[in-house]
C-alpha cells in the first residue's frame, strides 16, 4: 500500500503504566475502531502492530496494548 492510500487512525501519545500499554489520540468515530481495522503500521511503515483496545481515557484518548510492545520504554519510543 502506498503512503497516499493509507489513513491515519490515531497517534500514540505516550506510555500508560509499566507493561507497555499506551495512550492513543484516536481520529475515528469510536476508539475501538482503531483496532478494528486490523494491523496498523508506523507512519514510515517500518513496524506493524496488532492493537487491542483496552478502555477509553479522558478526552479523545484511549488505552491500547499490542503484543509487539512489552515495556513502558517500547511504548514511549513510539510516541508521536
N, C-alpha and C. Protein backbone atom coordinates (compact mmCIF):
# COMPACT_ATOMS: atom_id res chain seq x y z
N UNK A 1 0.84 -1.17 0.00
CA UNK A 1 0.00 0.00 0.00
C UNK A 1 0.89 1.24 0.00
N UNK A 2 0.58 2.18 -0.85
CA UNK A 2 1.38 3.40 -0.90
C UNK A 2 0.97 4.35 0.21
N UNK A 3 1.84 5.29 0.50
CA UNK A 3 1.55 6.26 1.56
C UNK A 3 0.27 7.04 1.27
N UNK A 4 0.00 7.33 0.01
CA UNK A 4 -1.19 8.09 -0.33
C UNK A 4 -2.47 7.28 -0.14
N UNK A 5 -2.37 5.96 -0.05
CA UNK A 5 -3.54 5.10 0.16
C UNK A 5 -3.81 4.83 1.63
N UNK A 6 -2.92 5.24 2.50
CA UNK A 6 -3.07 4.97 3.93
C UNK A 6 -3.87 6.07 4.60
N UNK A 7 -4.48 5.72 5.74
CA UNK A 7 -5.28 6.66 6.52
C UNK A 7 -4.75 6.66 7.95
N UNK A 8 -4.58 7.84 8.52
CA UNK A 8 -4.12 7.95 9.91
C UNK A 8 -5.31 7.74 10.84
N UNK A 9 -5.26 6.66 11.62
CA UNK A 9 -6.35 6.33 12.54
C UNK A 9 -6.13 6.91 13.93
N UNK A 10 -4.88 7.23 14.26
CA UNK A 10 -4.56 7.76 15.58
C UNK A 10 -3.08 8.00 15.72
N UNK A 11 -2.71 8.56 16.87
CA UNK A 11 -1.30 8.84 17.16
C UNK A 11 -1.01 8.43 18.60
N UNK A 12 0.10 7.74 18.80
CA UNK A 12 0.48 7.33 20.15
C UNK A 12 0.92 8.56 20.93
N UNK A 13 0.26 8.78 22.06
CA UNK A 13 0.52 9.97 22.88
C UNK A 13 1.48 9.70 24.03
N UNK A 14 1.76 8.44 24.30
CA UNK A 14 2.69 8.10 25.37
C UNK A 14 2.33 6.80 26.05
N UNK A 15 3.20 6.38 26.94
CA UNK A 15 3.01 5.13 27.66
C UNK A 15 1.94 5.29 28.74
N UNK A 16 1.34 4.17 29.10
CA UNK A 16 0.35 4.14 30.19
C UNK A 16 0.68 2.93 31.05
N UNK A 17 1.26 3.15 32.20
CA UNK A 17 1.65 2.05 33.07
C UNK A 17 3.02 1.52 32.71
N UNK A 18 3.36 0.36 33.27
CA UNK A 18 4.71 -0.18 33.08
C UNK A 18 4.75 -1.41 32.18
N UNK A 19 3.62 -1.92 31.75
CA UNK A 19 3.58 -3.17 30.97
C UNK A 19 3.58 -2.96 29.47
N UNK A 20 3.66 -1.73 29.02
CA UNK A 20 3.69 -1.48 27.58
C UNK A 20 2.38 -0.99 27.00
N UNK A 21 1.36 -0.79 27.84
CA UNK A 21 0.13 -0.18 27.34
C UNK A 21 0.44 1.27 26.96
N UNK A 22 -0.38 1.85 26.10
CA UNK A 22 -0.11 3.21 25.64
C UNK A 22 -1.40 3.95 25.33
N UNK A 23 -1.30 5.28 25.44
CA UNK A 23 -2.43 6.16 25.13
C UNK A 23 -2.37 6.53 23.66
N UNK A 24 -3.55 6.51 23.02
CA UNK A 24 -3.65 6.88 21.61
C UNK A 24 -4.69 7.98 21.47
N UNK A 25 -4.32 9.05 20.78
CA UNK A 25 -5.30 10.05 20.38
C UNK A 25 -5.93 9.50 19.11
N UNK A 26 -7.19 9.15 19.20
CA UNK A 26 -7.82 8.49 18.06
C UNK A 26 -8.54 9.49 17.16
N UNK A 27 -8.55 9.17 15.86
CA UNK A 27 -9.18 10.02 14.86
C UNK A 27 -10.38 9.33 14.22
N UNK A 28 -10.84 8.26 14.84
CA UNK A 28 -12.01 7.52 14.36
C UNK A 28 -13.22 7.95 15.19
N UNK A 29 -14.41 7.56 14.75
CA UNK A 29 -15.62 7.93 15.47
C UNK A 29 -15.64 7.32 16.87
N UNK A 30 -15.27 6.07 16.97
CA UNK A 30 -15.21 5.37 18.26
C UNK A 30 -13.79 4.83 18.45
N UNK A 31 -13.25 4.89 19.65
CA UNK A 31 -11.85 4.48 19.85
C UNK A 31 -11.58 3.02 19.50
N UNK A 32 -12.53 2.14 19.74
CA UNK A 32 -12.30 0.73 19.44
C UNK A 32 -12.15 0.47 17.94
N UNK A 33 -12.60 1.42 17.11
CA UNK A 33 -12.45 1.27 15.67
C UNK A 33 -11.00 1.29 15.21
N UNK A 34 -10.12 1.91 15.98
CA UNK A 34 -8.70 1.94 15.62
C UNK A 34 -8.18 0.50 15.49
N UNK A 35 -8.51 -0.34 16.45
CA UNK A 35 -8.05 -1.73 16.43
C UNK A 35 -8.86 -2.58 15.45
N UNK A 36 -10.09 -2.19 15.17
CA UNK A 36 -10.96 -2.99 14.31
C UNK A 36 -10.50 -3.05 12.85
N UNK A 37 -9.68 -2.11 12.44
CA UNK A 37 -9.20 -2.09 11.05
C UNK A 37 -8.15 -3.16 10.78
N UNK A 38 -7.69 -3.84 11.81
CA UNK A 38 -6.66 -4.86 11.63
C UNK A 38 -5.30 -4.29 11.99
N UNK A 39 -4.23 -4.96 11.59
CA UNK A 39 -2.89 -4.49 11.93
C UNK A 39 -2.66 -3.06 11.43
N UNK A 40 -1.97 -2.28 12.25
CA UNK A 40 -1.63 -0.91 11.88
C UNK A 40 -0.11 -0.80 11.77
N UNK A 41 0.34 0.24 11.11
CA UNK A 41 1.79 0.42 10.96
C UNK A 41 2.19 1.83 11.30
N UNK A 42 3.47 1.99 11.56
CA UNK A 42 4.00 3.32 11.85
C UNK A 42 3.94 4.16 10.58
N UNK A 43 4.08 5.46 10.76
CA UNK A 43 3.99 6.38 9.62
C UNK A 43 4.99 6.04 8.54
N UNK A 44 6.19 5.61 8.93
CA UNK A 44 7.21 5.28 7.94
C UNK A 44 7.12 3.82 7.47
N UNK A 45 6.10 3.11 7.93
CA UNK A 45 5.83 1.71 7.55
C UNK A 45 6.94 0.75 7.95
N UNK A 46 7.75 1.13 8.92
CA UNK A 46 8.86 0.27 9.34
C UNK A 46 8.43 -0.80 10.34
N UNK A 47 7.30 -0.59 11.03
CA UNK A 47 6.83 -1.56 12.03
C UNK A 47 5.32 -1.72 11.92
N UNK A 48 4.85 -2.93 12.22
CA UNK A 48 3.42 -3.24 12.19
C UNK A 48 3.00 -3.74 13.57
N UNK A 49 1.79 -3.36 14.00
CA UNK A 49 1.29 -3.73 15.31
C UNK A 49 -0.14 -4.23 15.21
N UNK A 50 -0.47 -5.20 16.04
CA UNK A 50 -1.84 -5.66 16.19
C UNK A 50 -2.35 -5.09 17.51
N UNK A 51 -3.24 -4.13 17.42
CA UNK A 51 -3.71 -3.43 18.61
C UNK A 51 -4.88 -4.13 19.27
N UNK A 52 -4.96 -3.96 20.58
CA UNK A 52 -6.11 -4.42 21.35
C UNK A 52 -6.62 -3.23 22.15
N UNK A 53 -7.87 -2.87 21.94
CA UNK A 53 -8.50 -1.77 22.67
C UNK A 53 -8.70 -2.20 24.12
N UNK A 54 -8.25 -1.36 25.06
CA UNK A 54 -8.40 -1.67 26.47
C UNK A 54 -9.57 -0.88 27.08
N UNK A 55 -9.52 0.45 26.95
CA UNK A 55 -10.58 1.29 27.50
C UNK A 55 -10.42 2.72 27.01
N UNK A 56 -11.48 3.51 27.19
CA UNK A 56 -11.40 4.93 26.87
C UNK A 56 -10.68 5.66 27.99
N UNK A 57 -10.09 6.79 27.65
CA UNK A 57 -9.44 7.66 28.62
C UNK A 57 -10.04 9.06 28.45
N UNK A 58 -9.57 10.02 29.21
CA UNK A 58 -10.11 11.38 29.12
C UNK A 58 -9.87 11.99 27.75
N UNK A 59 -10.82 12.81 27.33
CA UNK A 59 -10.70 13.49 26.05
C UNK A 59 -10.83 12.51 24.90
N UNK A 60 -10.16 12.78 23.82
CA UNK A 60 -10.20 11.89 22.66
C UNK A 60 -9.02 10.93 22.68
N UNK A 61 -8.82 10.30 23.83
CA UNK A 61 -7.74 9.35 24.02
C UNK A 61 -8.31 8.00 24.45
N UNK A 62 -7.57 6.95 24.16
CA UNK A 62 -7.95 5.61 24.58
C UNK A 62 -6.67 4.85 24.92
N UNK A 63 -6.83 3.81 25.73
CA UNK A 63 -5.70 2.97 26.12
C UNK A 63 -5.73 1.71 25.26
N UNK A 64 -4.58 1.38 24.69
CA UNK A 64 -4.42 0.20 23.86
C UNK A 64 -3.21 -0.60 24.34
N UNK A 65 -3.15 -1.84 23.90
CA UNK A 65 -1.93 -2.64 24.07
C UNK A 65 -1.68 -3.34 22.74
N UNK A 66 -0.47 -3.83 22.58
CA UNK A 66 -0.09 -4.58 21.38
C UNK A 66 0.92 -5.64 21.80
N UNK A 67 0.79 -6.82 21.26
CA UNK A 67 1.70 -7.91 21.64
C UNK A 67 3.15 -7.58 21.28
N UNK A 68 3.36 -6.69 20.33
CA UNK A 68 4.71 -6.33 19.90
C UNK A 68 5.37 -5.31 20.84
N UNK A 69 4.61 -4.75 21.77
CA UNK A 69 5.12 -3.74 22.70
C UNK A 69 5.03 -4.31 24.10
N UNK A 70 6.18 -4.53 24.74
CA UNK A 70 6.21 -5.26 26.01
C UNK A 70 6.68 -4.45 27.21
N UNK A 71 7.04 -3.19 27.02
CA UNK A 71 7.52 -2.40 28.15
C UNK A 71 7.14 -0.94 27.97
N UNK A 72 7.22 -0.22 29.05
CA UNK A 72 6.95 1.22 29.01
C UNK A 72 7.92 1.91 28.05
N UNK A 73 9.17 1.47 28.05
CA UNK A 73 10.18 2.07 27.19
C UNK A 73 9.84 1.86 25.70
N UNK A 74 9.35 0.67 25.37
CA UNK A 74 8.93 0.40 23.98
C UNK A 74 7.80 1.34 23.58
N UNK A 75 6.84 1.53 24.47
CA UNK A 75 5.70 2.40 24.18
C UNK A 75 6.14 3.86 24.05
N UNK A 76 7.00 4.31 24.94
CA UNK A 76 7.48 5.70 24.88
C UNK A 76 8.25 5.98 23.59
N UNK A 77 8.96 4.97 23.10
CA UNK A 77 9.75 5.15 21.87
C UNK A 77 8.86 5.40 20.65
N UNK A 78 7.60 5.01 20.73
CA UNK A 78 6.68 5.18 19.60
C UNK A 78 5.88 6.47 19.66
N UNK A 79 6.06 7.24 20.69
CA UNK A 79 5.28 8.47 20.87
C UNK A 79 5.45 9.37 19.66
N UNK A 80 4.31 9.91 19.20
CA UNK A 80 4.38 10.85 18.09
C UNK A 80 3.53 10.54 16.98
